[in-house]
Amino acid sequence: MSDLNSEISEDFAKKLLRSLYKLDSPIGALDRLISNTDDPDLKSSLVEITSSLMDITLSKLMVPIYRHHPSLGRASEPGPWLHEDDE
């Protein structure tokens, strides 16, 4: 991803990050669904898969983009651009 980051413009980075932040709601819904699963083996597997998805999203996509474009903020504290309209 580091080679790819050098090719990602700030505008594209903003669009990609906005899309990734929009995953919060569906992942939260998935987490709630998993929490209501009675089968402990299934629950464990789904928790592991969901955790991997969240880890990959953060560590392989978001953090490297923020490192390449530090003016955008950090994953835990994105800048005001997140709430601005796409231009």
C-alpha atoms as a PDB file:
ATOM      1  CA  MET A   1       0.000   0.000   0.000  1.00  0.00           C
ATOM      2  CA  SER A   2       2.901   2.394   0.631  1.00  0.00           C
ATOM      3  CA  ASP A   3       3.715   2.540  -3.090  1.00  0.00           C
ATOM      4  CA  LEU A   4       0.063   3.071  -3.841  1.00  0.00           C
ATOM      5  CA  ASN A   5      -0.120   5.902  -1.291  1.00  0.00           C
ATOM      6  CA  SER A   6       2.403   7.907  -3.271  1.00  0.00           C
ATOM      7  CA  GLU A   7      -0.069   7.853  -6.152  1.00  0.00           C
ATOM      8  CA  ILE A   8      -3.167   8.775  -4.141  1.00  0.00           C
ATOM      9  CA  SER A   9      -4.011  12.435  -4.444  1.00  0.00           C
ATOM     10  CA  GLU A  10      -5.380  14.313  -1.472  1.00  0.00           C
ATOM     11  CA  ASP A  11      -8.766  14.651  -3.179  1.00  0.00           C
ATOM     12  CA  PHE A  12      -8.990  10.907  -3.781  1.00  0.00           C
ATOM     13  CA  ALA A  13      -7.774  10.244  -0.232  1.00  0.00           C
ATOM     14  CA  LYS A  14     -10.622  12.382   1.126  1.00  0.00           C
ATOM     15  CA  LYS A  15     -13.201  10.514  -0.955  1.00  0.00           C
ATOM     16  CA  LEU A  16     -11.815   7.141   0.094  1.00  0.00           C
ATOM     17  CA  LEU A  17     -11.644   8.099   3.769  1.00  0.00           C
ATOM     18  CA  ARG A  18     -15.199   9.476   3.703  1.00  0.00           C
ATOM     19  CA  SER A  19     -16.365   6.125   2.319  1.00  0.00           C
ATOM     20  CA  LEU A  20     -14.422   4.221   4.956  1.00  0.00           C
ATOM     21  CA  TYR A  21     -15.920   6.307   7.786  1.00  0.00           C
ATOM     22  CA  LYS A  22     -19.368   5.474   6.396  1.00  0.00           C
ATOM     23  CA  LEU A  23     -18.635   1.818   7.238  1.00  0.00           C
ATOM     24  CA  ASP A  24     -19.021   2.659  10.951  1.00  0.00           C
ATOM     25  CA  SER A  25     -22.807   2.317  10.888  1.00  0.00           C
ATOM     26  CA  PRO A  26     -23.038  -1.024   9.034  1.00  0.00           C
ATOM     27  CA  ILE A  27     -20.200  -2.484  11.114  1.00  0.00           C
ATOM     28  CA  GLY A  28     -22.031  -1.348  14.253  1.00  0.00           C
ATOM     29  CA  ALA A  29     -25.178  -3.057  12.986  1.00  0.00           C
ATOM     30  CA  LEU A  30     -23.175  -6.198  12.276  1.00  0.00           C
ATOM     31  CA  ASP A  31     -21.715  -6.076  15.780  1.00  0.00           C
ATOM     32  CA  ARG A  32     -25.192  -5.813  17.304  1.00  0.00           C
ATOM     33  CA  LEU A  33     -26.375  -8.760  15.203  1.00  0.00           C
ATOM     34  CA  ILE A  34     -23.370 -10.841  16.255  1.00  0.00           C
ATOM     35  CA  SER A  35     -23.989  -9.952  19.911  1.00  0.00           C
ATOM     36  CA  ASN A  36     -27.431 -11.539  19.642  1.00  0.00           C
ATOM     37  CA  THR A  37     -26.100 -14.795  18.193  1.00  0.00           C
ATOM     38  CA  ASP A  38     -26.684 -17.721  20.544  1.00  0.00           C
ATOM     39  CA  ASP A  39     -24.187 -20.131  18.975  1.00  0.00           C
ATOM     40  CA  PRO A  40     -20.849 -19.494  20.764  1.00  0.00           C
ATOM     41  CA  ASP A  41     -18.709 -20.991  17.975  1.00  0.00           C
ATOM     42  CA  LEU A  42     -20.451 -18.944  15.296  1.00  0.00           C
ATOM     43  CA  LYS A  43     -20.266 -15.844  17.488  1.00  0.00           C
ATOM     44  CA  SER A  44     -16.526 -16.332  18.011  1.00  0.00           C
ATOM     45  CA  SER A  45     -15.905 -16.757  14.283  1.00  0.00           C
ATOM     46  CA  LEU A  46     -17.974 -13.710  13.381  1.00  0.00           C
ATOM     47  CA  VAL A  47     -16.256 -11.575  16.020  1.00  0.00           C
ATOM     48  CA  GLU A  48     -12.861 -12.621  14.656  1.00  0.00           C
ATOM     49  CA  ILE A  49     -13.856 -11.842  11.060  1.00  0.00           C
ATOM     50  CA  THR A  50     -15.364  -8.480  11.992  1.00  0.00           C
ATOM     51  CA  SER A  51     -12.281  -7.581  14.031  1.00  0.00           C
ATOM     52  CA  SER A  52     -10.067  -8.455  11.071  1.00  0.00           C
ATOM     53  CA  LEU A  53     -12.174  -6.293   8.786  1.00  0.00           C
ATOM     54  CA  MET A  54     -11.871  -3.347  11.169  1.00  0.00           C
ATOM     55  CA  ASP A  55      -8.122  -3.895  11.629  1.00  0.00           C
ATOM     56  CA  ILE A  56      -7.455  -4.056   7.899  1.00  0.00           C
ATOM     57  CA  THR A  57      -9.575  -0.977   7.259  1.00  0.00           C
ATOM     58  CA  LEU A  58      -7.665   1.003   9.864  1.00  0.00           C
ATOM     59  CA  SER A  59      -4.113  -0.327   9.580  1.00  0.00           C
ATOM     60  CA  LYS A  60      -3.900  -1.059   5.857  1.00  0.00           C
ATOM     61  CA  LEU A  61      -6.026   1.760   4.456  1.00  0.00           C
ATOM     62  CA  MET A  62      -6.704   4.663   6.792  1.00  0.00           C
ATOM     63  CA  VAL A  63      -3.436   4.989   8.736  1.00  0.00           C
ATOM     64  CA  PRO A  64      -1.208   4.809   5.641  1.00  0.00           C
ATOM     65  CA  ILE A  65      -3.350   7.437   3.897  1.00  0.00           C
ATOM     66  CA  TYR A  66      -3.124   9.749   6.900  1.00  0.00           C
ATOM     67  CA  ARG A  67       0.647   9.213   7.030  1.00  0.00           C
ATOM     68  CA  HIS A  68       0.926  10.210   3.381  1.00  0.00           C
ATOM     69  CA  HIS A  69      -1.461  13.166   3.811  1.00  0.00           C
ATOM     70  CA  PRO A  70      -0.856  14.405   7.390  1.00  0.00           C
ATOM     71  CA  SER A  71      -2.776  17.611   6.677  1.00  0.00           C
ATOM     72  CA  LEU A  72      -5.968  15.510   6.756  1.00  0.00           C
ATOM     73  CA  GLY A  73      -5.545  14.734  10.462  1.00  0.00           C
ATOM     74  CA  ARG A  74      -5.543  11.254  11.996  1.00  0.00           C
ATOM     75  CA  ALA A  75      -7.922   8.317  11.866  1.00  0.00           C
ATOM     76  CA  SER A  76      -9.125   9.090  15.382  1.00  0.00           C
ATOM     77  CA  GLU A  77      -9.242  12.846  14.718  1.00  0.00           C
ATOM     78  CA  PRO A  78      -9.927  13.629  11.074  1.00  0.00           C
ATOM     79  CA  GLY A  79      -9.848  17.234  10.051  1.00  0.00           C
ATOM     80  CA  PRO A  80     -12.864  19.414   9.257  1.00  0.00           C
ATOM     81  CA  TRP A  81     -12.671  18.289   5.613  1.00  0.00           C
ATOM     82  CA  LEU A  82     -14.610  15.156   6.616  1.00  0.00           C
ATOM     83  CA  HIS A  83     -17.795  17.154   7.020  1.00  0.00           C
ATOM     84  CA  GLU A  84     -17.281  19.406   4.009  1.00  0.00           C
ATOM     85  CA  ASP A  85     -18.996  18.655   0.715  1.00  0.00           C
ATOM     86  CA  ASP A  86     -17.037  16.897  -2.015  1.00  0.00           C
ATOM     87  CA  GLU A  87     -15.885  19.409  -4.544  1.00  0.00           C
END
